[in-house]
Amino acid sequence: MGVLIDSLIAKHNKDLTPAQTMVQSVCKIKKGETVLIISNPELNPIAQDIYQAAMELGANVSLIFQQKKTSMDFADKTVVAAILSEPDVIFSLSAIKLGKDENGIENPYTDADGKKYDNAFDYLLFGKKSIRAVWTPGLTQDMFERTVNIDYDLLRQRCETLCKKFENAVSVHVTSPGGTDVVVPVQNRSPLVDDGDFSKPGTGGNVPSGEVFVSPVVGDEDKTRTEGKIVFDGSMSFSDGDEILKTPITVDVHGGFVTDIKGGAEAKRLLKDIQNAEKESGNLVSSGKISKEAGAAYRRNSRNIGELGIGLNPAANITGNMLEDEKAFRTCHFAIGENYDGDAPALIHFDGLVKDPTIKIKYQDGTELTVLDNGDLKI
């Protein structure tokens, strides 16, 4: 594994800056394309670098700033309007989050298949597939400089190989030295990749890139659902930012939903954030912004296990910033809240890191495959 990591880092194109890598290798921006950069003042140097790199390719570039937003804040209306202008490429460079779409929550966007989206960004990317995008919640200058210039061809090959291991999968059993022991149902769920190839409409992901992730089957008393215990012992995302955990957070999961949270101050902080999301779901109903049915779904899914992801970026470290942490080798992460398949809408999506996991995939024929063994990638 050490050789693989070294080669992935060593083979990057040293002639390109991280910004040039993003516009040339990741998004493959072409002359005449429209590019929208949304950022916060705190990330101005990175935003300016990407602006300049896209301009050098002959793109028509717009840059807009808003104050930083937490996971419970609304994006500025001018930002949403800029997104709805449907540029070819969007870079969302956020100190924390882009912010929610207030109008989209009240009046969801509907794609050609009748699927609804409460955010213009998701609607254009995943519904209409008219844009391609990069989003970077929590990006820092140090992270930008360390984790962007990697060998994307090798990363994409590694992601593709791992994705194929989920074909005909029924469930995933995750254990860890920290105490995690949970079974995640994934039958008929397709894994997604964040492999740094956002060159076609309808594709997008994080930079730094580097993970394979899947949305567990949503909890239902009549179906197989996520069951067991997750012990977050790396880092955790909260409504106002991320932190390395001083005390592990133990989460009991039954029927696909979090039923109990134990630990120290960080566990109490996580519980408070979840309860705030549940409360806000009710407030949106009371104010007439969403229906009772939508409010009930938002509330219920505030405790949903919405993601299982595996980190594959060789340059990523555990730093207390989830944007980077969830891409690190020898880790997996689970999210509490909204999923990526669109059938568990929620106001939150909090990722938590598990170190050195063992991950076994069980298939329809009863066979099993270990893809991580105490953190070591086995494929």
Protein backbone atom coordinates (compact mmCIF):
# COMPACT_ATOMS: atom_id res chain seq x y z
CA MET A 1 0.00 0.00 0.00
CA GLY A 2 2.92 2.34 0.74
CA VAL A 3 4.16 1.96 -2.85
CA LEU A 4 0.71 2.79 -4.20
CA ILE A 5 0.41 5.89 -2.06
CA ASP A 6 3.87 7.11 -3.01
CA SER A 7 3.23 6.58 -6.71
CA LEU A 8 -0.14 8.33 -6.62
CA ILE A 9 1.43 11.43 -5.12
CA ALA A 10 4.66 11.34 -7.09
CA LYS A 11 3.13 11.13 -10.57
CA HIS A 12 1.12 14.33 -10.47
CA ASN A 13 1.89 17.02 -13.00
CA LYS A 14 4.29 19.30 -11.14
CA ASP A 15 3.99 21.94 -13.86
CA LEU A 16 0.42 22.79 -12.81
CA THR A 17 -0.73 24.78 -9.81
CA PRO A 18 -3.61 23.27 -7.77
CA ALA A 19 -5.99 25.78 -9.39
CA GLN A 20 -4.79 24.83 -12.87
CA THR A 21 -5.21 21.16 -12.00
CA MET A 22 -8.82 21.81 -10.96
CA VAL A 23 -9.79 23.61 -14.15
CA GLN A 24 -7.71 21.49 -16.56
CA SER A 25 -7.54 17.95 -15.14
CA VAL A 26 -10.64 17.79 -12.93
CA CYS A 27 -13.25 19.87 -14.79
CA LYS A 28 -11.57 20.07 -18.23
CA ILE A 29 -12.91 23.57 -18.84
CA LYS A 30 -13.03 24.64 -22.48
CA LYS A 31 -12.79 28.01 -24.18
CA GLY A 32 -16.08 29.89 -24.17
CA GLU A 33 -17.68 27.91 -21.33
CA THR A 34 -19.41 29.80 -18.53
CA VAL A 35 -17.97 29.29 -15.06
CA LEU A 36 -19.48 30.44 -11.76
CA ILE A 37 -17.35 30.61 -8.61
CA ILE A 38 -19.23 31.01 -5.32
CA SER A 39 -17.05 31.63 -2.30
CA ASN A 40 -16.61 33.32 1.08
CA PRO A 41 -14.20 36.18 1.78
CA GLU A 42 -12.08 33.78 3.89
CA LEU A 43 -11.27 31.77 0.74
CA ASN A 44 -10.57 34.73 -1.55
CA PRO A 45 -6.99 33.66 -2.48
CA ILE A 46 -8.19 30.24 -3.69
CA ALA A 47 -11.19 31.75 -5.47
CA GLN A 48 -8.95 34.26 -7.25
CA ASP A 49 -6.51 31.51 -8.30
CA ILE A 50 -9.31 29.42 -9.82
CA TYR A 51 -10.78 32.53 -11.46
CA GLN A 52 -7.44 33.30 -13.09
CA ALA A 53 -6.83 29.67 -14.14
CA ALA A 54 -10.26 29.45 -15.80
CA MET A 55 -9.74 32.83 -17.52
CA GLU A 56 -6.46 31.53 -18.96
CA LEU A 57 -8.43 28.78 -20.69
CA GLY A 58 -10.73 31.33 -22.33
CA ALA A 59 -13.76 30.71 -20.12
CA ASN A 60 -16.34 33.36 -19.21
CA VAL A 61 -15.95 33.50 -15.43
CA SER A 62 -18.07 35.12 -12.71
CA LEU A 63 -17.07 35.28 -9.04
CA ILE A 64 -19.59 35.96 -6.26
CA PHE A 65 -19.00 36.15 -2.51
CA GLN A 66 -21.39 35.57 0.39
CA GLN A 67 -20.74 35.43 4.13
CA LYS A 68 -19.96 31.92 5.35
CA LYS A 69 -22.97 29.73 6.10
CA THR A 70 -23.56 26.88 8.54
CA SER A 71 -25.50 23.74 7.63
CA MET A 72 -28.71 25.36 8.95
CA ASP A 73 -28.34 28.70 7.10
CA PHE A 74 -29.89 29.74 3.80
CA ALA A 75 -27.67 30.72 0.88
CA ASP A 76 -28.05 34.33 -0.27
CA LYS A 77 -30.84 34.74 -2.83
CA THR A 78 -28.37 36.28 -5.28
CA VAL A 79 -26.27 33.12 -5.02
CA VAL A 80 -29.26 30.89 -5.78
CA ALA A 81 -30.16 33.13 -8.72
CA ALA A 82 -26.63 32.83 -10.06
CA ILE A 83 -26.84 29.03 -9.80
CA LEU A 84 -30.16 29.06 -11.67
CA SER A 85 -28.47 30.90 -14.55
CA GLU A 86 -27.13 27.40 -15.37
CA PRO A 87 -23.44 28.01 -16.06
CA ASP A 88 -21.47 25.13 -17.54
CA VAL A 89 -19.36 24.75 -14.39
CA ILE A 90 -19.89 25.77 -10.77
CA PHE A 91 -17.20 25.92 -8.09
CA SER A 92 -18.67 26.18 -4.60
CA LEU A 93 -15.76 27.14 -2.34
CA SER A 94 -17.17 27.24 1.19
CA ALA A 95 -15.55 27.82 4.55
CA ILE A 96 -18.37 25.73 6.04
CA LYS A 97 -21.36 25.19 3.72
CA LEU A 98 -22.93 26.70 0.61
CA GLY A 99 -26.25 27.17 2.42
CA LYS A 100 -29.75 25.86 1.78
CA ASP A 101 -32.10 27.00 -0.97
CA GLU A 102 -35.06 28.65 0.81
CA ASN A 103 -37.22 28.81 -2.30
CA GLY A 104 -36.37 25.22 -3.21
CA ILE A 105 -37.51 23.98 0.19
CA GLU A 106 -40.82 25.82 -0.18
CA ASN A 107 -41.26 25.01 -3.89
CA PRO A 108 -39.14 21.99 -4.87
CA TYR A 109 -37.71 21.73 -8.38
CA THR A 110 -38.97 18.77 -10.42
CA ASP A 111 -36.96 16.99 -13.11
CA ALA A 112 -38.24 15.23 -16.22
CA ASP A 113 -38.74 11.99 -14.28
CA GLY A 114 -40.84 13.70 -11.62
CA LYS A 115 -38.11 13.60 -8.97
CA LYS A 116 -38.10 16.60 -6.64
CA TYR A 117 -35.12 18.57 -5.35
CA ASP A 118 -35.08 21.15 -2.56
CA ASN A 119 -31.88 22.77 -3.82
CA ALA A 120 -31.22 24.40 -7.22
CA PHE A 121 -27.63 23.15 -7.20
CA ASP A 122 -28.70 19.49 -6.84
CA TYR A 123 -31.54 19.92 -9.31
CA LEU A 124 -29.28 21.21 -12.09
CA LEU A 125 -26.49 18.72 -11.33
CA PHE A 126 -28.38 15.50 -10.65
CA GLY A 127 -31.82 16.25 -12.16
CA LYS A 128 -31.34 18.22 -15.37
CA LYS A 129 -27.67 17.25 -15.57
CA SER A 130 -27.02 20.61 -17.19
CA ILE A 131 -24.00 21.58 -15.09
CA ARG A 132 -20.86 20.02 -13.70
CA ALA A 133 -19.57 21.11 -10.32
CA VAL A 134 -17.02 21.08 -7.55
CA TRP A 135 -17.97 21.75 -3.92
CA THR A 136 -15.48 22.14 -1.10
CA PRO A 137 -17.13 22.62 2.34
CA GLY A 138 -14.33 23.49 4.76
CA LEU A 139 -11.53 23.98 2.23
CA THR A 140 -8.31 25.58 3.51
CA GLN A 141 -5.23 26.92 1.71
CA ASP A 142 -3.03 24.21 3.23
CA MET A 143 -5.41 21.44 2.16
CA PHE A 144 -5.70 22.94 -1.31
CA GLU A 145 -1.95 22.93 -1.78
CA ARG A 146 -1.39 19.41 -0.38
CA THR A 147 -4.23 17.28 -1.72
CA VAL A 148 -5.19 18.48 -5.20
CA ASN A 149 -2.15 17.56 -7.29
CA ILE A 150 -2.34 13.76 -7.31
CA ASP A 151 -2.39 11.17 -10.10
CA TYR A 152 -6.08 11.21 -11.05
CA ASP A 153 -5.78 8.37 -13.54
CA LEU A 154 -4.63 6.01 -10.79
CA LEU A 155 -7.22 7.35 -8.38
CA ARG A 156 -10.02 6.79 -10.90
CA GLN A 157 -8.81 3.25 -11.53
CA ARG A 158 -8.82 2.51 -7.80
CA CYS A 159 -12.34 3.97 -7.40
CA GLU A 160 -13.65 1.97 -10.36
CA THR A 161 -12.20 -1.28 -8.98
CA LEU A 162 -13.78 -0.74 -5.56
CA CYS A 163 -17.13 0.22 -7.11
CA LYS A 164 -17.29 -3.06 -9.00
CA LYS A 165 -16.96 -4.95 -5.72
CA PHE A 166 -20.41 -3.64 -4.75
CA GLU A 167 -22.13 -5.36 -7.71
CA ASN A 168 -24.78 -7.81 -6.45
CA ALA A 169 -24.02 -6.78 -2.87
CA VAL A 170 -26.68 -7.31 -0.21
CA SER A 171 -25.05 -5.79 2.85
CA VAL A 172 -21.80 -4.46 4.27
CA HIS A 173 -20.47 -5.43 7.71
CA VAL A 174 -18.19 -2.82 9.26
CA THR A 175 -16.15 -3.41 12.41
CA SER A 176 -13.26 -1.48 13.91
CA PRO A 177 -10.79 -1.59 16.82
CA GLY A 178 -12.69 1.35 18.32
CA GLY A 179 -15.83 -0.74 18.73
CA THR A 180 -17.85 -0.21 15.55
CA ASP A 181 -19.97 -3.25 14.68
CA VAL A 182 -22.74 -2.45 12.22
CA VAL A 183 -24.44 -4.10 9.26
CA VAL A 184 -25.48 -1.79 6.42
CA PRO A 185 -28.01 -2.95 3.80
CA VAL A 186 -27.09 -1.89 0.25
CA GLN A 187 -29.12 -4.18 -1.99
CA ASN A 188 -30.10 -2.41 -5.23
CA ARG A 189 -28.04 0.61 -4.18
CA SER A 190 -25.37 1.76 -6.64
CA PRO A 191 -22.12 3.09 -5.19
CA LEU A 192 -20.99 6.56 -6.23
CA VAL A 193 -17.48 7.83 -6.76
CA ASP A 194 -15.68 11.06 -6.03
CA ASP A 195 -12.75 10.39 -8.37
CA GLY A 196 -11.89 13.86 -9.60
CA ASP A 197 -13.42 13.41 -13.05
CA PHE A 198 -16.02 16.16 -13.36
CA SER A 199 -15.65 16.73 -17.08
CA LYS A 200 -19.18 15.88 -18.25
CA PRO A 201 -22.55 17.51 -17.50
CA GLY A 202 -24.16 15.85 -14.52
CA THR A 203 -20.87 15.00 -12.81
CA GLY A 204 -19.44 16.63 -9.72
CA GLY A 205 -17.88 16.11 -6.33
CA ASN A 206 -15.36 17.30 -3.81
CA VAL A 207 -11.86 18.58 -4.20
CA PRO A 208 -9.89 17.05 -2.61
CA SER A 209 -11.37 14.01 -4.32
CA GLY A 210 -10.99 10.37 -3.42
CA GLU A 211 -13.80 8.22 -2.08
CA VAL A 212 -16.34 5.56 -2.96
CA PHE A 213 -19.64 5.92 -1.13
CA VAL A 214 -23.09 4.38 -1.01
CA SER A 215 -26.47 5.32 0.47
CA PRO A 216 -27.76 2.55 2.78
CA VAL A 217 -31.31 1.28 2.29
CA VAL A 218 -33.54 3.71 4.20
CA GLY A 219 -34.94 2.41 7.48
CA ASP A 220 -38.24 0.57 7.35
CA GLU A 221 -39.65 -1.87 9.89
CA ASP A 222 -40.65 -4.25 7.10
CA LYS A 223 -37.26 -4.30 5.35
CA THR A 224 -33.61 -4.98 6.09
CA ARG A 225 -32.10 -1.85 7.62
CA THR A 226 -28.89 -0.58 9.22
CA GLU A 227 -28.39 -2.22 12.60
CA GLY A 228 -25.63 -2.09 15.19
CA LYS A 229 -23.18 0.33 16.73
CA ILE A 230 -20.95 2.96 15.15
CA VAL A 231 -18.05 4.40 17.13
CA PHE A 232 -16.74 7.61 15.61
CA ASP A 233 -13.11 7.88 16.75
CA GLY A 234 -11.51 10.11 14.12
CA SER A 235 -13.34 13.35 13.49
CA MET A 236 -16.93 14.59 13.24
CA SER A 237 -18.79 17.28 11.36
CA PHE A 238 -21.19 19.51 13.25
CA SER A 239 -23.55 22.27 12.15
CA ASP A 240 -20.88 24.96 12.54
CA GLY A 241 -17.75 23.05 11.51
CA ASP A 242 -15.61 19.94 12.02
CA GLU A 243 -13.31 18.71 14.79
CA ILE A 244 -10.96 15.87 15.67
CA LEU A 245 -12.70 13.95 18.44
CA LYS A 246 -11.13 14.00 21.88
CA THR A 247 -13.63 11.41 23.10
CA PRO A 248 -15.19 8.82 20.76
CA ILE A 249 -18.89 9.18 19.98
CA THR A 250 -20.86 5.93 20.19
CA VAL A 251 -24.04 5.84 18.12
CA ASP A 252 -26.59 3.04 18.45
CA VAL A 253 -28.53 2.38 15.27
CA HIS A 254 -31.81 0.49 14.99
CA GLY A 255 -34.09 0.24 11.99
CA GLY A 256 -31.77 2.48 10.00
CA PHE A 257 -31.96 5.39 12.45
CA VAL A 258 -29.88 6.67 15.36
CA THR A 259 -31.53 5.71 18.64
CA ASP A 260 -28.88 6.74 21.16
CA ILE A 261 -25.70 8.83 21.28
CA LYS A 262 -23.10 8.37 24.02
CA GLY A 263 -19.73 9.94 24.80
CA GLY A 264 -18.41 13.23 26.11
CA ALA A 265 -18.97 16.85 25.18
CA GLU A 266 -18.79 16.11 21.45
CA ALA A 267 -21.58 13.52 21.74
CA LYS A 268 -23.78 16.11 23.44
CA ARG A 269 -22.92 18.60 20.69
CA LEU A 270 -23.92 16.12 17.98
CA LEU A 271 -27.18 15.30 19.75
CA LYS A 272 -28.00 19.00 20.09
CA ASP A 273 -27.38 19.56 16.37
CA ILE A 274 -29.66 16.67 15.46
CA GLN A 275 -32.36 17.92 17.82
CA ASN A 276 -32.07 21.40 16.29
CA ALA A 277 -32.63 19.91 12.84
CA GLU A 278 -35.68 18.06 14.12
CA LYS A 279 -37.01 21.26 15.67
CA GLU A 280 -36.37 23.29 12.53
CA SER A 281 -38.31 20.72 10.51
CA GLY A 282 -41.32 21.54 12.67
CA ASN A 283 -40.71 25.27 12.34
CA LEU A 284 -40.78 25.01 8.55
CA VAL A 285 -44.17 23.29 8.79
CA SER A 286 -45.51 25.88 11.27
CA SER A 287 -44.45 28.74 9.01
CA GLY A 288 -46.20 27.14 6.05
CA LYS A 289 -43.00 26.68 4.06
CA ILE A 290 -43.37 22.91 3.75
CA SER A 291 -46.16 20.39 4.18
CA LYS A 292 -46.70 18.24 7.27
CA GLU A 293 -45.63 15.21 5.24
CA ALA A 294 -42.38 16.87 4.17
CA GLY A 295 -41.76 18.07 7.72
CA ALA A 296 -42.23 14.55 9.07
CA ALA A 297 -39.72 13.22 6.53
CA TYR A 298 -37.16 15.91 7.39
CA ARG A 299 -37.59 15.19 11.09
CA ARG A 300 -37.37 11.41 10.74
CA ASN A 301 -34.30 11.54 8.49
CA SER A 302 -32.42 13.79 10.90
CA ARG A 303 -31.42 10.45 12.46
CA ASN A 304 -31.06 8.46 9.24
CA ILE A 305 -27.81 6.69 8.40
CA GLY A 306 -27.37 8.31 5.02
CA GLU A 307 -23.93 7.25 3.81
CA LEU A 308 -21.10 4.78 4.10
CA GLY A 309 -17.92 6.02 2.43
CA ILE A 310 -14.36 4.73 2.01
CA GLY A 311 -11.41 7.13 1.69
CA LEU A 312 -8.92 6.73 -1.19
CA ASN A 313 -6.89 9.96 -1.50
CA PRO A 314 -3.20 9.22 -0.76
CA ALA A 315 -2.41 12.85 0.13
CA ALA A 316 -5.25 13.23 2.65
CA ASN A 317 -4.66 13.15 6.39
CA ILE A 318 -6.92 13.28 9.44
CA THR A 319 -6.76 16.97 10.32
CA GLY A 320 -10.13 17.71 11.89
CA ASN A 321 -11.54 18.93 8.58
CA MET A 322 -14.02 16.43 7.17
CA LEU A 323 -13.55 17.52 3.57
CA GLU A 324 -10.05 16.03 3.78
CA ASP A 325 -10.53 13.48 6.59
CA GLU A 326 -13.17 11.42 4.77
CA LYS A 327 -10.79 10.97 1.82
CA ALA A 328 -7.91 9.57 3.93
CA PHE A 329 -6.70 6.00 3.51
CA ARG A 330 -7.39 3.55 6.36
CA THR A 331 -10.72 5.20 7.16
CA CYS A 332 -14.39 4.93 6.44
CA HIS A 333 -17.14 7.35 7.35
CA PHE A 334 -20.86 7.29 8.02
CA ALA A 335 -23.25 10.21 7.64
CA ILE A 336 -26.24 11.04 9.80
CA GLY A 337 -29.03 12.74 7.86
CA GLU A 338 -29.66 13.20 4.14
CA ASN A 339 -28.49 10.54 1.71
CA TYR A 340 -27.36 10.66 -1.93
CA ASP A 341 -30.15 8.62 -3.49
CA GLY A 342 -32.77 11.30 -2.83
CA ASP A 343 -35.12 9.15 -0.76
CA ALA A 344 -34.11 10.47 2.66
CA PRO A 345 -34.41 14.28 2.61
CA ALA A 346 -33.09 16.03 5.72
CA LEU A 347 -31.78 19.41 6.80
CA ILE A 348 -28.44 17.94 7.88
CA HIS A 349 -25.69 15.62 6.70
CA PHE A 350 -23.09 15.08 9.43
CA ASP A 351 -20.12 12.85 8.56
CA GLY A 352 -18.20 10.92 11.21
CA LEU A 353 -14.89 9.12 10.74
CA VAL A 354 -14.06 5.54 11.80
CA LYS A 355 -10.37 4.62 11.88
CA ASP A 356 -8.83 1.32 10.73
CA PRO A 357 -12.11 -0.40 9.80
CA THR A 358 -12.60 -3.93 8.53
CA ILE A 359 -15.22 -3.90 5.78
CA LYS A 360 -16.79 -7.10 4.45
CA ILE A 361 -19.27 -7.12 1.57
CA LYS A 362 -21.88 -9.88 1.50
CA TYR A 363 -23.39 -10.92 -1.84
CA GLN A 364 -26.67 -12.41 -3.00
CA ASP A 365 -25.11 -15.88 -3.30
CA GLY A 366 -23.98 -15.79 0.34
CA THR A 367 -20.29 -15.22 -0.36
CA GLU A 368 -18.29 -12.45 1.31
CA LEU A 369 -15.34 -10.27 0.30
CA THR A 370 -13.12 -8.25 2.62
CA VAL A 371 -12.22 -4.94 0.97
CA LEU A 372 -10.55 -3.36 4.02
CA ASP A 373 -8.83 -5.30 6.79
CA ASN A 374 -7.99 -3.17 9.83
CA GLY A 375 -7.64 -0.25 7.46
CA ASP A 376 -5.56 -2.02 4.81
CA LEU A 377 -7.10 -1.96 1.33
CA LYS A 378 -7.35 -5.54 0.04
CA ILE A 379 -8.45 -5.07 -3.57
